[in-house]
Protein backbone atom coordinates (compact mmCIF):
# COMPACT_ATOMS: atom_id res chain seq x y z
CA UNK A 1 0.00 0.00 0.00
CA UNK A 2 1.38 3.36 -1.01
CA UNK A 3 1.38 6.50 1.11
CA UNK A 4 -1.14 8.10 -1.28
CA UNK A 5 -3.52 5.17 -0.84
CA UNK A 6 -3.18 5.34 2.93
CA UNK A 7 -3.99 9.08 2.92
CA UNK A 8 -6.90 8.47 0.56
CA UNK A 9 -8.38 5.83 2.87
CA UNK A 10 -7.95 8.14 5.85
CA UNK A 11 -9.70 10.91 3.92
CA UNK A 12 -12.63 8.62 3.09
CA UNK A 13 -12.86 7.50 6.72
CA UNK A 14 -12.91 11.13 7.83
CA UNK A 15 -15.76 11.89 5.41
CA UNK A 16 -17.78 8.93 6.68
CA UNK A 17 -17.14 10.02 10.29
CA UNK A 18 -18.16 13.60 9.54
CA UNK A 19 -21.39 12.45 7.87
CA UNK A 20 -22.18 10.19 10.84
CA UNK A 21 -21.51 13.12 13.18
CA UNK A 22 -23.83 15.34 11.15
CA UNK A 23 -26.55 12.72 11.39
CA UNK A 24 -26.08 12.52 15.16
CA UNK A 25 -26.22 16.31 15.41
CA UNK A 26 -29.44 16.41 13.36
CA UNK A 27 -31.01 13.91 15.76
CA UNK A 28 -30.07 16.07 18.75
CA UNK A 29 -31.46 19.23 17.15
CA UNK A 30 -34.66 17.44 16.17
CA UNK A 31 -35.35 16.20 19.68
CA UNK A 32 -34.39 19.49 21.33
CA UNK A 33 -36.30 21.81 19.03
CA UNK A 34 -39.43 19.68 18.94
CA UNK A 35 -39.39 19.31 22.73
CA UNK A 36 -39.01 23.05 23.32
CA UNK A 37 -41.57 24.14 20.74
CA UNK A 38 -43.83 21.28 21.79
CA UNK A 39 -43.77 22.57 25.35
CA UNK A 40 -44.85 26.02 24.19
CA UNK A 41 -47.54 24.49 21.99
CA UNK A 42 -48.93 22.23 24.72
CA UNK A 43 -48.96 25.00 27.32
CA UNK A 44 -51.59 27.08 25.56
CA UNK A 45 -52.70 24.63 22.83
CA UNK A 46 -51.62 27.33 20.41
CA UNK A 47 -52.05 26.05 16.85
CA UNK A 48 -49.35 28.39 15.53
CA UNK A 49 -46.71 26.51 17.52
CA UNK A 50 -48.23 23.12 16.76
CA UNK A 51 -48.43 23.60 13.02
CA UNK A 52 -44.99 25.21 13.15
CA UNK A 53 -43.62 21.93 14.56
CA UNK A 54 -44.39 19.99 11.40
CA UNK A 55 -41.84 21.83 9.24
CA UNK A 56 -38.75 21.24 11.43
CA UNK A 57 -39.82 17.68 12.27
CA UNK A 58 -40.12 16.76 8.60
CA UNK A 59 -37.00 18.71 7.59
CA UNK A 60 -34.85 17.04 10.24
CA UNK A 61 -36.19 13.64 9.18
CA UNK A 62 -35.26 14.37 5.56
CA UNK A 63 -31.83 15.74 6.46
CA UNK A 64 -31.07 12.72 8.62
CA UNK A 65 -32.01 10.42 5.73
CA UNK A 66 -29.86 12.47 3.34
CA UNK A 67 -26.79 12.27 5.59
CA UNK A 68 -27.26 8.54 6.15
CA UNK A 69 -27.50 7.96 2.40
CA UNK A 70 -24.37 10.03 1.76
CA UNK A 71 -22.59 8.05 4.47
CA UNK A 72 -23.60 4.79 2.80
CA UNK A 73 -22.40 6.05 -0.59
CA UNK A 74 -18.99 6.96 0.78
CA UNK A 75 -18.78 3.62 2.59
CA UNK A 76 -19.42 1.92 -0.75
CA UNK A 77 -16.65 4.01 -2.31
CA UNK A 78 -14.32 3.10 0.58
CA UNK A 79 -15.15 -0.61 0.22
CA UNK A 80 -14.52 -0.46 -3.54
CA UNK A 81 -11.24 1.44 -3.05
CA UNK A 82 -9.93 -1.01 -0.45
CA UNK A 83 -10.94 -4.15 -2.39
CA UNK A 84 -8.04 -6.19 -3.82
CA UNK A 85 -7.37 -5.21 -7.43
CA UNK A 86 -9.40 -2.03 -7.12
CA UNK A 87 -9.65 0.25 -10.15
CA UNK A 88 -10.77 3.27 -8.13
CA UNK A 89 -8.55 6.26 -8.81
CA UNK A 90 -6.71 7.46 -5.73
CA UNK A 91 -8.29 10.66 -4.29
CA UNK A 92 -11.43 10.17 -6.37
CA UNK A 93 -14.60 11.28 -4.59
CA UNK A 94 -16.89 10.11 -7.39
CA UNK A 95 -19.81 8.34 -5.71
CA UNK A 96 -21.93 8.20 -8.89
CA UNK A 97 -21.07 4.53 -9.67
CA UNK A 98 -22.62 3.53 -6.32
CA UNK A 99 -25.88 5.49 -6.67
CA UNK A 100 -27.72 2.44 -8.01
CA UNK A 101 -26.36 0.17 -5.26
CA UNK A 102 -27.44 2.38 -2.36
CA UNK A 103 -31.17 2.97 -1.73
CA UNK A 104 -32.52 6.47 -2.40
CA UNK A 105 -33.18 9.11 0.27
CA UNK A 106 -36.89 8.27 0.45
CA UNK A 107 -36.20 4.58 1.05
CA UNK A 108 -33.47 5.40 3.58
CA UNK A 109 -35.93 7.70 5.40
CA UNK A 110 -38.09 4.67 6.13
CA UNK A 111 -35.23 2.44 7.26
CA UNK A 112 -35.14 1.23 10.86
CA UNK A 113 -32.11 3.35 11.70
CA UNK A 114 -34.03 6.54 10.88
CA UNK A 115 -37.55 5.59 11.95
CA UNK A 116 -36.61 4.66 15.53
CA UNK A 117 -36.16 8.34 16.35
CA UNK A 118 -38.20 10.33 13.86
CA UNK A 119 -41.42 8.30 14.04
CA UNK A 120 -41.90 9.02 17.79
CA UNK A 121 -41.23 12.70 17.07
CA UNK A 122 -43.88 12.71 14.35
CA UNK A 123 -46.32 10.86 16.61
CA UNK A 124 -45.67 13.48 19.32
CA UNK A 125 -46.32 16.32 16.85
CA UNK A 126 -49.47 14.57 15.58
CA UNK A 127 -50.72 14.14 19.15
CA UNK A 128 -50.10 17.83 19.86
CA UNK A 129 -51.90 18.74 16.64
CA UNK A 130 -54.95 16.68 17.56
CA UNK A 131 -54.92 18.09 21.11
CA UNK A 132 -54.71 21.64 19.77
CA UNK A 133 -57.54 21.09 17.29
CA UNK A 134 -59.67 19.51 20.04
CA UNK A 135 -59.03 22.45 22.40
CA UNK A 136 -59.90 24.98 19.69
CA UNK A 137 -63.07 23.07 18.81
CA UNK A 138 -64.04 22.86 22.49
CA UNK A 139 -63.65 26.62 22.91
CA UNK A 140 -65.57 27.50 19.76
CA UNK A 141 -68.35 24.95 20.20
CA UNK A 142 -68.92 24.13 23.86
CA UNK A 143 -70.77 20.86 24.31
CA UNK A 144 -73.02 22.00 27.13
CA UNK A 145 -74.77 25.34 26.87
CA UNK A 146 -74.32 27.64 29.81
CA UNK A 147 -77.44 28.32 31.87
CA UNK A 148 -77.82 31.67 33.52
CA UNK A 149 -80.04 31.76 36.54
CA UNK A 150 -81.63 34.86 37.81
CA UNK A 151 -81.36 35.44 41.53
CA UNK A 152 -84.55 36.44 43.26
CA UNK A 153 -84.35 39.01 45.95
CA UNK A 154 -86.94 37.50 48.19
CA UNK A 155 -86.49 37.40 51.88
CA UNK A 156 -85.99 33.99 53.41
CA UNK A 157 -89.04 32.56 54.99
C-alpha atoms as a PDB file:
ATOM      1  CA  UNK A   1       0.000   0.000   0.000  1.00  0.00           C
ATOM      2  CA  UNK A   2       1.380   3.356  -1.011  1.00  0.00           C
ATOM      3  CA  UNK A   3       1.380   6.499   1.106  1.00  0.00           C
ATOM      4  CA  UNK A   4      -1.145   8.100  -1.281  1.00  0.00           C
ATOM      5  CA  UNK A   5      -3.519   5.171  -0.839  1.00  0.00           C
ATOM      6  CA  UNK A   6      -3.185   5.341   2.934  1.00  0.00           C
ATOM      7  CA  UNK A   7      -3.988   9.082   2.923  1.00  0.00           C
ATOM      8  CA  UNK A   8      -6.902   8.469   0.556  1.00  0.00           C
ATOM      9  CA  UNK A   9      -8.383   5.827   2.865  1.00  0.00           C
ATOM     10  CA  UNK A  10      -7.953   8.141   5.852  1.00  0.00           C
ATOM     11  CA  UNK A  11      -9.703  10.906   3.915  1.00  0.00           C
ATOM     12  CA  UNK A  12     -12.629   8.616   3.085  1.00  0.00           C
ATOM     13  CA  UNK A  13     -12.865   7.495   6.717  1.00  0.00           C
ATOM     14  CA  UNK A  14     -12.910  11.133   7.827  1.00  0.00           C
ATOM     15  CA  UNK A  15     -15.755  11.885   5.406  1.00  0.00           C
ATOM     16  CA  UNK A  16     -17.781   8.934   6.683  1.00  0.00           C
ATOM     17  CA  UNK A  17     -17.141  10.016  10.287  1.00  0.00           C
ATOM     18  CA  UNK A  18     -18.161  13.601   9.540  1.00  0.00           C
ATOM     19  CA  UNK A  19     -21.395  12.453   7.868  1.00  0.00           C
ATOM     20  CA  UNK A  20     -22.176  10.195  10.836  1.00  0.00           C
ATOM     21  CA  UNK A  21     -21.514  13.121  13.182  1.00  0.00           C
ATOM     22  CA  UNK A  22     -23.827  15.340  11.154  1.00  0.00           C
ATOM     23  CA  UNK A  23     -26.554  12.717  11.386  1.00  0.00           C
ATOM     24  CA  UNK A  24     -26.085  12.522  15.157  1.00  0.00           C
ATOM     25  CA  UNK A  25     -26.221  16.306  15.414  1.00  0.00           C
ATOM     26  CA  UNK A  26     -29.435  16.407  13.364  1.00  0.00           C
ATOM     27  CA  UNK A  27     -31.014  13.912  15.760  1.00  0.00           C
ATOM     28  CA  UNK A  28     -30.075  16.073  18.746  1.00  0.00           C
ATOM     29  CA  UNK A  29     -31.457  19.231  17.147  1.00  0.00           C
ATOM     30  CA  UNK A  30     -34.661  17.436  16.168  1.00  0.00           C
ATOM     31  CA  UNK A  31     -35.348  16.196  19.685  1.00  0.00           C
ATOM     32  CA  UNK A  32     -34.389  19.490  21.329  1.00  0.00           C
ATOM     33  CA  UNK A  33     -36.302  21.808  19.029  1.00  0.00           C
ATOM     34  CA  UNK A  34     -39.435  19.684  18.938  1.00  0.00           C
ATOM     35  CA  UNK A  35     -39.389  19.309  22.726  1.00  0.00           C
ATOM     36  CA  UNK A  36     -39.013  23.052  23.321  1.00  0.00           C
ATOM     37  CA  UNK A  37     -41.570  24.144  20.740  1.00  0.00           C
ATOM     38  CA  UNK A  38     -43.831  21.276  21.789  1.00  0.00           C
ATOM     39  CA  UNK A  39     -43.770  22.571  25.346  1.00  0.00           C
ATOM     40  CA  UNK A  40     -44.847  26.021  24.192  1.00  0.00           C
ATOM     41  CA  UNK A  41     -47.539  24.495  21.988  1.00  0.00           C
ATOM     42  CA  UNK A  42     -48.931  22.232  24.717  1.00  0.00           C
ATOM     43  CA  UNK A  43     -48.956  24.998  27.321  1.00  0.00           C
ATOM     44  CA  UNK A  44     -51.592  27.079  25.562  1.00  0.00           C
ATOM     45  CA  UNK A  45     -52.696  24.633  22.833  1.00  0.00           C
ATOM     46  CA  UNK A  46     -51.621  27.329  20.414  1.00  0.00           C
ATOM     47  CA  UNK A  47     -52.053  26.048  16.853  1.00  0.00           C
ATOM     48  CA  UNK A  48     -49.348  28.391  15.530  1.00  0.00           C
ATOM     49  CA  UNK A  49     -46.712  26.511  17.524  1.00  0.00           C
ATOM     50  CA  UNK A  50     -48.229  23.117  16.761  1.00  0.00           C
ATOM     51  CA  UNK A  51     -48.431  23.602  13.025  1.00  0.00           C
ATOM     52  CA  UNK A  52     -44.988  25.209  13.155  1.00  0.00           C
ATOM     53  CA  UNK A  53     -43.620  21.933  14.559  1.00  0.00           C
ATOM     54  CA  UNK A  54     -44.388  19.993  11.398  1.00  0.00           C
ATOM     55  CA  UNK A  55     -41.840  21.828   9.242  1.00  0.00           C
ATOM     56  CA  UNK A  56     -38.751  21.244  11.435  1.00  0.00           C
ATOM     57  CA  UNK A  57     -39.819  17.681  12.275  1.00  0.00           C
ATOM     58  CA  UNK A  58     -40.118  16.756   8.599  1.00  0.00           C
ATOM     59  CA  UNK A  59     -37.005  18.715   7.586  1.00  0.00           C
ATOM     60  CA  UNK A  60     -34.854  17.039  10.243  1.00  0.00           C
ATOM     61  CA  UNK A  61     -36.192  13.641   9.178  1.00  0.00           C
ATOM     62  CA  UNK A  62     -35.264  14.366   5.563  1.00  0.00           C
ATOM     63  CA  UNK A  63     -31.827  15.744   6.465  1.00  0.00           C
ATOM     64  CA  UNK A  64     -31.075  12.725   8.617  1.00  0.00           C
ATOM     65  CA  UNK A  65     -32.009  10.419   5.735  1.00  0.00           C
ATOM     66  CA  UNK A  66     -29.863  12.467   3.338  1.00  0.00           C
ATOM     67  CA  UNK A  67     -26.787  12.267   5.586  1.00  0.00           C
ATOM     68  CA  UNK A  68     -27.265   8.536   6.151  1.00  0.00           C
ATOM     69  CA  UNK A  69     -27.501   7.958   2.402  1.00  0.00           C
ATOM     70  CA  UNK A  70     -24.368  10.031   1.764  1.00  0.00           C
ATOM     71  CA  UNK A  71     -22.585   8.047   4.467  1.00  0.00           C
ATOM     72  CA  UNK A  72     -23.601   4.785   2.796  1.00  0.00           C
ATOM     73  CA  UNK A  73     -22.404   6.055  -0.589  1.00  0.00           C
ATOM     74  CA  UNK A  74     -18.987   6.956   0.781  1.00  0.00           C
ATOM     75  CA  UNK A  75     -18.781   3.619   2.593  1.00  0.00           C
ATOM     76  CA  UNK A  76     -19.423   1.917  -0.748  1.00  0.00           C
ATOM     77  CA  UNK A  77     -16.646   4.009  -2.309  1.00  0.00           C
ATOM     78  CA  UNK A  78     -14.324   3.104   0.582  1.00  0.00           C
ATOM     79  CA  UNK A  79     -15.147  -0.608   0.216  1.00  0.00           C
ATOM     80  CA  UNK A  80     -14.518  -0.463  -3.536  1.00  0.00           C
ATOM     81  CA  UNK A  81     -11.240   1.443  -3.052  1.00  0.00           C
ATOM     82  CA  UNK A  82      -9.928  -1.015  -0.454  1.00  0.00           C
ATOM     83  CA  UNK A  83     -10.936  -4.149  -2.387  1.00  0.00           C
ATOM     84  CA  UNK A  84      -8.036  -6.186  -3.819  1.00  0.00           C
ATOM     85  CA  UNK A  85      -7.368  -5.213  -7.433  1.00  0.00           C
ATOM     86  CA  UNK A  86      -9.395  -2.028  -7.123  1.00  0.00           C
ATOM     87  CA  UNK A  87      -9.651   0.248 -10.151  1.00  0.00           C
ATOM     88  CA  UNK A  88     -10.774   3.269  -8.128  1.00  0.00           C
ATOM     89  CA  UNK A  89      -8.550   6.261  -8.815  1.00  0.00           C
ATOM     90  CA  UNK A  90      -6.709   7.462  -5.729  1.00  0.00           C
ATOM     91  CA  UNK A  91      -8.289  10.656  -4.290  1.00  0.00           C
ATOM     92  CA  UNK A  92     -11.432  10.174  -6.375  1.00  0.00           C
ATOM     93  CA  UNK A  93     -14.604  11.282  -4.591  1.00  0.00           C
ATOM     94  CA  UNK A  94     -16.885  10.111  -7.388  1.00  0.00           C
ATOM     95  CA  UNK A  95     -19.809   8.335  -5.709  1.00  0.00           C
ATOM     96  CA  UNK A  96     -21.932   8.196  -8.893  1.00  0.00           C
ATOM     97  CA  UNK A  97     -21.070   4.534  -9.669  1.00  0.00           C
ATOM     98  CA  UNK A  98     -22.617   3.531  -6.322  1.00  0.00           C
ATOM     99  CA  UNK A  99     -25.879   5.486  -6.669  1.00  0.00           C
ATOM    100  CA  UNK A 100     -27.719   2.442  -8.012  1.00  0.00           C
ATOM    101  CA  UNK A 101     -26.358   0.167  -5.264  1.00  0.00           C
ATOM    102  CA  UNK A 102     -27.443   2.381  -2.356  1.00  0.00           C
ATOM    103  CA  UNK A 103     -31.169   2.974  -1.730  1.00  0.00           C
ATOM    104  CA  UNK A 104     -32.516   6.472  -2.395  1.00  0.00           C
ATOM    105  CA  UNK A 105     -33.176   9.106   0.267  1.00  0.00           C
ATOM    106  CA  UNK A 106     -36.886   8.272   0.449  1.00  0.00           C
ATOM    107  CA  UNK A 107     -36.202   4.583   1.048  1.00  0.00           C
ATOM    108  CA  UNK A 108     -33.470   5.398   3.579  1.00  0.00           C
ATOM    109  CA  UNK A 109     -35.933   7.704   5.397  1.00  0.00           C
ATOM    110  CA  UNK A 110     -38.092   4.667   6.128  1.00  0.00           C
ATOM    111  CA  UNK A 111     -35.229   2.439   7.264  1.00  0.00           C
ATOM    112  CA  UNK A 112     -35.144   1.233  10.863  1.00  0.00           C
ATOM    113  CA  UNK A 113     -32.114   3.354  11.695  1.00  0.00           C
ATOM    114  CA  UNK A 114     -34.028   6.537  10.876  1.00  0.00           C
ATOM    115  CA  UNK A 115     -37.552   5.589  11.953  1.00  0.00           C
ATOM    116  CA  UNK A 116     -36.614   4.656  15.533  1.00  0.00           C
ATOM    117  CA  UNK A 117     -36.160   8.345  16.346  1.00  0.00           C
ATOM    118  CA  UNK A 118     -38.199  10.331  13.863  1.00  0.00           C
ATOM    119  CA  UNK A 119     -41.423   8.301  14.044  1.00  0.00           C
ATOM    120  CA  UNK A 120     -41.905   9.019  17.789  1.00  0.00           C
ATOM    121  CA  UNK A 121     -41.226  12.700  17.069  1.00  0.00           C
ATOM    122  CA  UNK A 122     -43.882  12.712  14.348  1.00  0.00           C
ATOM    123  CA  UNK A 123     -46.325  10.863  16.614  1.00  0.00           C
ATOM    124  CA  UNK A 124     -45.669  13.484  19.317  1.00  0.00           C
ATOM    125  CA  UNK A 125     -46.321  16.317  16.849  1.00  0.00           C
ATOM    126  CA  UNK A 126     -49.472  14.566  15.581  1.00  0.00           C
ATOM    127  CA  UNK A 127     -50.717  14.140  19.148  1.00  0.00           C
ATOM    128  CA  UNK A 128     -50.105  17.828  19.865  1.00  0.00           C
ATOM    129  CA  UNK A 129     -51.895  18.741  16.641  1.00  0.00           C
ATOM    130  CA  UNK A 130     -54.950  16.681  17.560  1.00  0.00           C
ATOM    131  CA  UNK A 131     -54.919  18.093  21.108  1.00  0.00           C
ATOM    132  CA  UNK A 132     -54.710  21.644  19.774  1.00  0.00           C
ATOM    133  CA  UNK A 133     -57.538  21.085  17.294  1.00  0.00           C
ATOM    134  CA  UNK A 134     -59.666  19.512  20.044  1.00  0.00           C
ATOM    135  CA  UNK A 135     -59.027  22.449  22.398  1.00  0.00           C
ATOM    136  CA  UNK A 136     -59.903  24.979  19.689  1.00  0.00           C
ATOM    137  CA  UNK A 137     -63.073  23.071  18.807  1.00  0.00           C
ATOM    138  CA  UNK A 138     -64.044  22.857  22.491  1.00  0.00           C
ATOM    139  CA  UNK A 139     -63.648  26.620  22.914  1.00  0.00           C
ATOM    140  CA  UNK A 140     -65.572  27.500  19.765  1.00  0.00           C
ATOM    141  CA  UNK A 141     -68.355  24.949  20.202  1.00  0.00           C
ATOM    142  CA  UNK A 142     -68.919  24.130  23.865  1.00  0.00           C
ATOM    143  CA  UNK A 143     -70.765  20.856  24.306  1.00  0.00           C
ATOM    144  CA  UNK A 144     -73.023  22.005  27.127  1.00  0.00           C
ATOM    145  CA  UNK A 145     -74.773  25.340  26.872  1.00  0.00           C
ATOM    146  CA  UNK A 146     -74.322  27.636  29.812  1.00  0.00           C
ATOM    147  CA  UNK A 147     -77.438  28.319  31.872  1.00  0.00           C
ATOM    148  CA  UNK A 148     -77.818  31.669  33.520  1.00  0.00           C
ATOM    149  CA  UNK A 149     -80.036  31.759  36.542  1.00  0.00           C
ATOM    150  CA  UNK A 150     -81.625  34.862  37.814  1.00  0.00           C
ATOM    151  CA  UNK A 151     -81.362  35.444  41.527  1.00  0.00           C
ATOM    152  CA  UNK A 152     -84.550  36.444  43.256  1.00  0.00           C
ATOM    153  CA  UNK A 153     -84.347  39.007  45.948  1.00  0.00           C
ATOM    154  CA  UNK A 154     -86.942  37.498  48.190  1.00  0.00           C
ATOM    155  CA  UNK A 155     -86.493  37.404  51.883  1.00  0.00           C
ATOM    156  CA  UNK A 156     -85.992  33.988  53.409  1.00  0.00           C
ATOM    157  CA  UNK A 157     -89.045  32.564  54.989  1.00  0.00           C
END
